[in-house]
Amino acid sequence: MYNDNIHLVKRETITNGEKYDFFIYNMLSIEKKLSEGQFGKGDTVISQVKYYKVVDKITGEKLDVKLRCSKKIDDAMEGAESREAKKIFNKCLKQLEEEGLLCR
């Protein structure tokens, strides 16, 4: 599944002497589309939301997914007027779940 999606990249690393695999999903294009251009551009960061998984096509195991989002939406979700940013971010997550890319 993840090989077919250009926005999903598998990363392999060693943490505390043990192999650790995870994915990074670049959701800028979804942000931009759902926010009508308000978010989804500029600098990117790894989102603080880290409770999603993706199934590795090769091994069949569920691996962690780190979401790469725009710094603008990440900052806006922490700001005083975070309501709209959280709404857009949640729409992005919902769309990814519906497409079968993410699971809890």
N, C-alpha and C. Protein backbone atom coordinates (compact mmCIF):
# COMPACT_ATOMS: atom_id res chain seq x y z
N MET A 1 0.83 -1.20 0.00
CA MET A 1 0.00 0.00 0.00
C MET A 1 0.87 1.25 0.00
N TYR A 2 1.87 1.33 0.87
CA TYR A 2 2.61 2.57 0.97
C TYR A 2 3.51 2.82 -0.23
N ASN A 3 3.90 1.76 -0.95
CA ASN A 3 4.75 1.95 -2.13
C ASN A 3 4.03 2.72 -3.22
N ASP A 4 2.71 2.65 -3.24
CA ASP A 4 1.92 3.30 -4.27
C ASP A 4 1.66 4.78 -3.98
N ASN A 5 1.96 5.22 -2.78
CA ASN A 5 1.64 6.59 -2.37
C ASN A 5 2.92 7.41 -2.27
N ILE A 6 3.04 8.44 -3.09
CA ILE A 6 4.26 9.24 -3.10
C ILE A 6 4.40 10.11 -1.85
N HIS A 7 3.34 10.25 -1.07
CA HIS A 7 3.38 11.08 0.12
C HIS A 7 3.79 10.30 1.37
N LEU A 8 3.91 8.99 1.26
CA LEU A 8 4.22 8.14 2.39
C LEU A 8 5.60 7.52 2.19
N VAL A 9 6.51 7.78 3.13
CA VAL A 9 7.89 7.31 3.02
C VAL A 9 8.23 6.49 4.26
N LYS A 10 8.83 5.33 4.04
CA LYS A 10 9.26 4.49 5.15
C LYS A 10 10.66 4.90 5.58
N ARG A 11 10.87 5.01 6.87
CA ARG A 11 12.17 5.34 7.44
C ARG A 11 12.61 4.21 8.35
N GLU A 12 13.87 3.88 8.27
CA GLU A 12 14.45 2.86 9.14
C GLU A 12 15.56 3.50 9.93
N THR A 13 15.58 3.27 11.23
CA THR A 13 16.59 3.86 12.08
C THR A 13 16.94 2.91 13.22
N ILE A 14 17.94 3.22 13.97
CA ILE A 14 18.29 2.46 15.15
C ILE A 14 18.16 3.38 16.35
N THR A 15 17.33 2.96 17.31
CA THR A 15 17.10 3.74 18.51
C THR A 15 17.45 2.89 19.72
N ASN A 16 18.35 3.38 20.55
CA ASN A 16 18.81 2.64 21.73
C ASN A 16 19.29 1.24 21.37
N GLY A 17 19.98 1.14 20.25
CA GLY A 17 20.55 -0.13 19.83
C GLY A 17 19.58 -1.09 19.17
N GLU A 18 18.32 -0.72 19.02
CA GLU A 18 17.32 -1.58 18.39
C GLU A 18 16.80 -0.95 17.11
N LYS A 19 16.52 -1.81 16.13
CA LYS A 19 15.97 -1.34 14.87
C LYS A 19 14.57 -0.80 15.09
N TYR A 20 14.29 0.35 14.50
CA TYR A 20 12.99 1.00 14.65
C TYR A 20 12.57 1.52 13.29
N ASP A 21 11.45 1.04 12.78
CA ASP A 21 10.92 1.48 11.50
C ASP A 21 9.68 2.34 11.74
N PHE A 22 9.51 3.36 10.92
CA PHE A 22 8.33 4.20 10.99
C PHE A 22 8.10 4.84 9.62
N PHE A 23 6.97 5.48 9.48
CA PHE A 23 6.62 6.16 8.24
C PHE A 23 6.48 7.65 8.49
N ILE A 24 6.69 8.42 7.44
CA ILE A 24 6.39 9.85 7.46
C ILE A 24 5.42 10.12 6.32
N TYR A 25 4.28 10.70 6.66
CA TYR A 25 3.29 11.05 5.64
C TYR A 25 3.29 12.56 5.45
N ASN A 26 3.53 13.00 4.24
CA ASN A 26 3.53 14.42 3.91
C ASN A 26 2.11 14.81 3.51
N MET A 27 1.41 15.51 4.39
CA MET A 27 0.01 15.83 4.14
C MET A 27 -0.23 17.27 3.70
N LEU A 28 0.79 17.92 3.18
CA LEU A 28 0.65 19.31 2.73
C LEU A 28 -0.41 19.48 1.64
N SER A 29 -0.44 18.57 0.69
CA SER A 29 -1.40 18.72 -0.41
C SER A 29 -2.84 18.58 0.10
N ILE A 30 -3.07 17.70 1.06
CA ILE A 30 -4.41 17.55 1.63
C ILE A 30 -4.79 18.81 2.41
N GLU A 31 -3.84 19.31 3.21
CA GLU A 31 -4.07 20.55 3.97
C GLU A 31 -4.48 21.68 3.05
N LYS A 32 -3.70 21.84 1.98
CA LYS A 32 -3.94 22.95 1.05
C LYS A 32 -5.32 22.84 0.41
N LYS A 33 -5.69 21.62 0.00
CA LYS A 33 -6.98 21.40 -0.64
C LYS A 33 -8.14 21.67 0.33
N LEU A 34 -8.06 21.12 1.54
CA LEU A 34 -9.17 21.24 2.49
C LEU A 34 -9.29 22.63 3.11
N SER A 35 -8.18 23.37 3.16
CA SER A 35 -8.22 24.71 3.74
C SER A 35 -8.36 25.80 2.69
N GLU A 36 -8.53 25.38 1.43
CA GLU A 36 -8.63 26.30 0.30
C GLU A 36 -7.43 27.25 0.22
N GLY A 37 -6.24 26.67 0.47
CA GLY A 37 -4.99 27.42 0.33
C GLY A 37 -4.52 28.16 1.57
N GLN A 38 -5.30 28.14 2.63
CA GLN A 38 -4.90 28.84 3.86
C GLN A 38 -3.70 28.17 4.51
N PHE A 39 -3.69 26.84 4.53
CA PHE A 39 -2.58 26.06 5.08
C PHE A 39 -2.00 25.19 3.98
N GLY A 40 -0.94 24.45 4.31
CA GLY A 40 -0.36 23.51 3.34
C GLY A 40 0.73 24.09 2.48
N LYS A 41 1.37 25.14 2.96
CA LYS A 41 2.47 25.74 2.21
C LYS A 41 3.52 26.26 3.18
N GLY A 42 4.70 26.50 2.67
CA GLY A 42 5.78 27.04 3.51
C GLY A 42 6.57 25.95 4.22
N ASP A 43 7.15 26.31 5.36
CA ASP A 43 7.97 25.39 6.13
C ASP A 43 7.13 24.23 6.66
N THR A 44 7.79 23.10 6.87
CA THR A 44 7.09 21.92 7.39
C THR A 44 7.68 21.49 8.72
N VAL A 45 6.88 20.78 9.50
CA VAL A 45 7.31 20.20 10.78
C VAL A 45 6.63 18.84 10.92
N ILE A 46 7.14 18.06 11.85
CA ILE A 46 6.48 16.80 12.20
C ILE A 46 5.45 17.14 13.27
N SER A 47 4.21 16.77 13.02
CA SER A 47 3.10 17.10 13.91
C SER A 47 3.27 16.43 15.28
N GLN A 48 2.65 17.03 16.28
CA GLN A 48 2.65 16.47 17.62
C GLN A 48 1.70 15.28 17.73
N VAL A 49 0.80 15.12 16.77
CA VAL A 49 -0.14 14.00 16.78
C VAL A 49 0.61 12.74 16.39
N LYS A 50 0.70 11.77 17.31
CA LYS A 50 1.53 10.60 17.04
C LYS A 50 0.86 9.28 17.39
N TYR A 51 -0.44 9.21 17.37
CA TYR A 51 -1.09 7.97 17.78
C TYR A 51 -1.67 7.19 16.60
N TYR A 52 -1.18 7.41 15.42
CA TYR A 52 -1.66 6.69 14.24
C TYR A 52 -0.63 5.66 13.79
N LYS A 53 -1.12 4.67 13.07
CA LYS A 53 -0.28 3.58 12.56
C LYS A 53 -0.60 3.37 11.09
N VAL A 54 0.31 2.68 10.40
CA VAL A 54 0.09 2.25 9.03
C VAL A 54 0.59 0.80 8.95
N VAL A 55 -0.06 0.00 8.12
CA VAL A 55 0.34 -1.39 7.98
C VAL A 55 1.46 -1.48 6.94
N ASP A 56 2.59 -2.08 7.34
CA ASP A 56 3.72 -2.28 6.44
C ASP A 56 3.35 -3.38 5.45
N LYS A 57 3.41 -3.07 4.17
CA LYS A 57 3.02 -4.01 3.12
C LYS A 57 3.92 -5.24 3.10
N ILE A 58 5.18 -5.07 3.47
CA ILE A 58 6.14 -6.15 3.38
C ILE A 58 6.01 -7.11 4.57
N THR A 59 6.01 -6.57 5.79
CA THR A 59 6.00 -7.41 6.98
C THR A 59 4.61 -7.64 7.56
N GLY A 60 3.65 -6.79 7.23
CA GLY A 60 2.31 -6.92 7.76
C GLY A 60 2.11 -6.32 9.14
N GLU A 61 3.16 -5.79 9.73
CA GLU A 61 3.03 -5.21 11.07
C GLU A 61 2.61 -3.74 11.00
N LYS A 62 2.02 -3.26 12.09
CA LYS A 62 1.61 -1.86 12.16
C LYS A 62 2.80 -1.04 12.66
N LEU A 63 3.12 0.00 11.89
CA LEU A 63 4.25 0.86 12.22
C LEU A 63 3.75 2.27 12.51
N ASP A 64 4.51 2.98 13.32
CA ASP A 64 4.17 4.36 13.66
C ASP A 64 4.21 5.24 12.42
N VAL A 65 3.32 6.24 12.42
CA VAL A 65 3.29 7.24 11.34
C VAL A 65 3.51 8.61 11.96
N LYS A 66 4.47 9.32 11.43
CA LYS A 66 4.69 10.71 11.82
C LYS A 66 4.15 11.56 10.69
N LEU A 67 3.34 12.52 11.02
CA LEU A 67 2.69 13.34 10.01
C LEU A 67 3.48 14.63 9.79
N ARG A 68 3.90 14.84 8.54
CA ARG A 68 4.57 16.09 8.18
C ARG A 68 3.49 17.06 7.74
N CYS A 69 3.39 18.17 8.45
CA CYS A 69 2.38 19.17 8.13
C CYS A 69 3.05 20.54 8.02
N SER A 70 2.30 21.52 7.61
CA SER A 70 2.86 22.86 7.51
C SER A 70 3.07 23.44 8.91
N LYS A 71 4.12 24.20 9.04
CA LYS A 71 4.41 24.85 10.32
C LYS A 71 3.27 25.80 10.68
N LYS A 72 2.66 26.37 9.66
CA LYS A 72 1.57 27.32 9.86
C LYS A 72 0.38 26.66 10.57
N ILE A 73 -0.02 25.46 10.15
CA ILE A 73 -1.16 24.80 10.80
C ILE A 73 -0.76 24.28 12.18
N ASP A 74 0.48 23.81 12.31
CA ASP A 74 0.94 23.31 13.61
C ASP A 74 0.96 24.44 14.64
N ASP A 75 1.47 25.60 14.24
CA ASP A 75 1.48 26.77 15.14
C ASP A 75 0.06 27.24 15.44
N ALA A 76 -0.80 27.23 14.41
CA ALA A 76 -2.18 27.70 14.59
C ALA A 76 -2.96 26.81 15.56
N MET A 77 -2.67 25.51 15.57
CA MET A 77 -3.38 24.60 16.48
C MET A 77 -3.00 24.87 17.94
N GLU A 78 -1.84 25.45 18.15
CA GLU A 78 -1.39 25.77 19.51
C GLU A 78 -1.75 27.19 19.92
N GLY A 79 -2.18 28.00 18.97
CA GLY A 79 -2.47 29.41 19.23
C GLY A 79 -3.82 29.66 19.87
N ALA A 80 -4.11 30.93 20.06
CA ALA A 80 -5.34 31.35 20.72
C ALA A 80 -6.58 31.01 19.88
N GLU A 81 -6.47 31.14 18.57
CA GLU A 81 -7.60 30.85 17.69
C GLU A 81 -7.35 29.54 16.94
N SER A 82 -7.32 28.46 17.70
CA SER A 82 -6.93 27.16 17.14
C SER A 82 -8.10 26.38 16.55
N ARG A 83 -9.29 26.86 16.72
CA ARG A 83 -10.48 26.12 16.32
C ARG A 83 -10.48 25.73 14.84
N GLU A 84 -10.24 26.69 13.95
CA GLU A 84 -10.25 26.44 12.51
C GLU A 84 -9.10 25.50 12.10
N ALA A 85 -7.92 25.72 12.66
CA ALA A 85 -6.77 24.88 12.32
C ALA A 85 -7.01 23.44 12.75
N LYS A 86 -7.55 23.24 13.94
CA LYS A 86 -7.84 21.88 14.42
C LYS A 86 -8.90 21.21 13.55
N LYS A 87 -9.87 22.00 13.11
CA LYS A 87 -10.93 21.48 12.25
C LYS A 87 -10.34 20.96 10.93
N ILE A 88 -9.47 21.75 10.32
CA ILE A 88 -8.83 21.36 9.05
C ILE A 88 -7.94 20.14 9.27
N PHE A 89 -7.15 20.15 10.35
CA PHE A 89 -6.24 19.04 10.64
C PHE A 89 -7.04 17.74 10.83
N ASN A 90 -8.13 17.81 11.56
CA ASN A 90 -8.97 16.63 11.78
C ASN A 90 -9.61 16.13 10.48
N LYS A 91 -9.97 17.06 9.59
CA LYS A 91 -10.49 16.66 8.28
C LYS A 91 -9.42 15.90 7.49
N CYS A 92 -8.18 16.36 7.58
CA CYS A 92 -7.07 15.69 6.91
C CYS A 92 -6.91 14.26 7.44
N LEU A 93 -6.93 14.12 8.76
CA LEU A 93 -6.80 12.80 9.37
C LEU A 93 -7.95 11.88 8.97
N LYS A 94 -9.15 12.43 8.95
CA LYS A 94 -10.33 11.64 8.58
C LYS A 94 -10.21 11.15 7.14
N GLN A 95 -9.75 12.02 6.25
CA GLN A 95 -9.59 11.63 4.85
C GLN A 95 -8.56 10.51 4.72
N LEU A 96 -7.45 10.60 5.45
CA LEU A 96 -6.42 9.57 5.41
C LEU A 96 -6.93 8.24 5.96
N GLU A 97 -7.76 8.31 7.00
CA GLU A 97 -8.36 7.08 7.55
C GLU A 97 -9.31 6.45 6.53
N GLU A 98 -10.12 7.27 5.88
CA GLU A 98 -11.08 6.77 4.89
C GLU A 98 -10.37 6.13 3.70
N GLU A 99 -9.20 6.64 3.34
CA GLU A 99 -8.44 6.08 2.24
C GLU A 99 -7.67 4.83 2.65
N GLY A 100 -7.72 4.50 3.93
CA GLY A 100 -7.05 3.30 4.43
C GLY A 100 -5.57 3.49 4.69
N LEU A 101 -5.10 4.72 4.71
CA LEU A 101 -3.68 4.96 4.94
C LEU A 101 -3.32 4.99 6.42
N LEU A 102 -4.24 5.41 7.24
CA LEU A 102 -3.98 5.48 8.68
C LEU A 102 -4.97 4.64 9.43
N CYS A 103 -4.53 4.12 10.58
CA CYS A 103 -5.43 3.44 11.52
C CYS A 103 -4.98 3.80 12.93
N ARG A 104 -5.89 3.66 13.86
CA ARG A 104 -5.56 3.97 15.25
C ARG A 104 -5.00 2.76 15.95
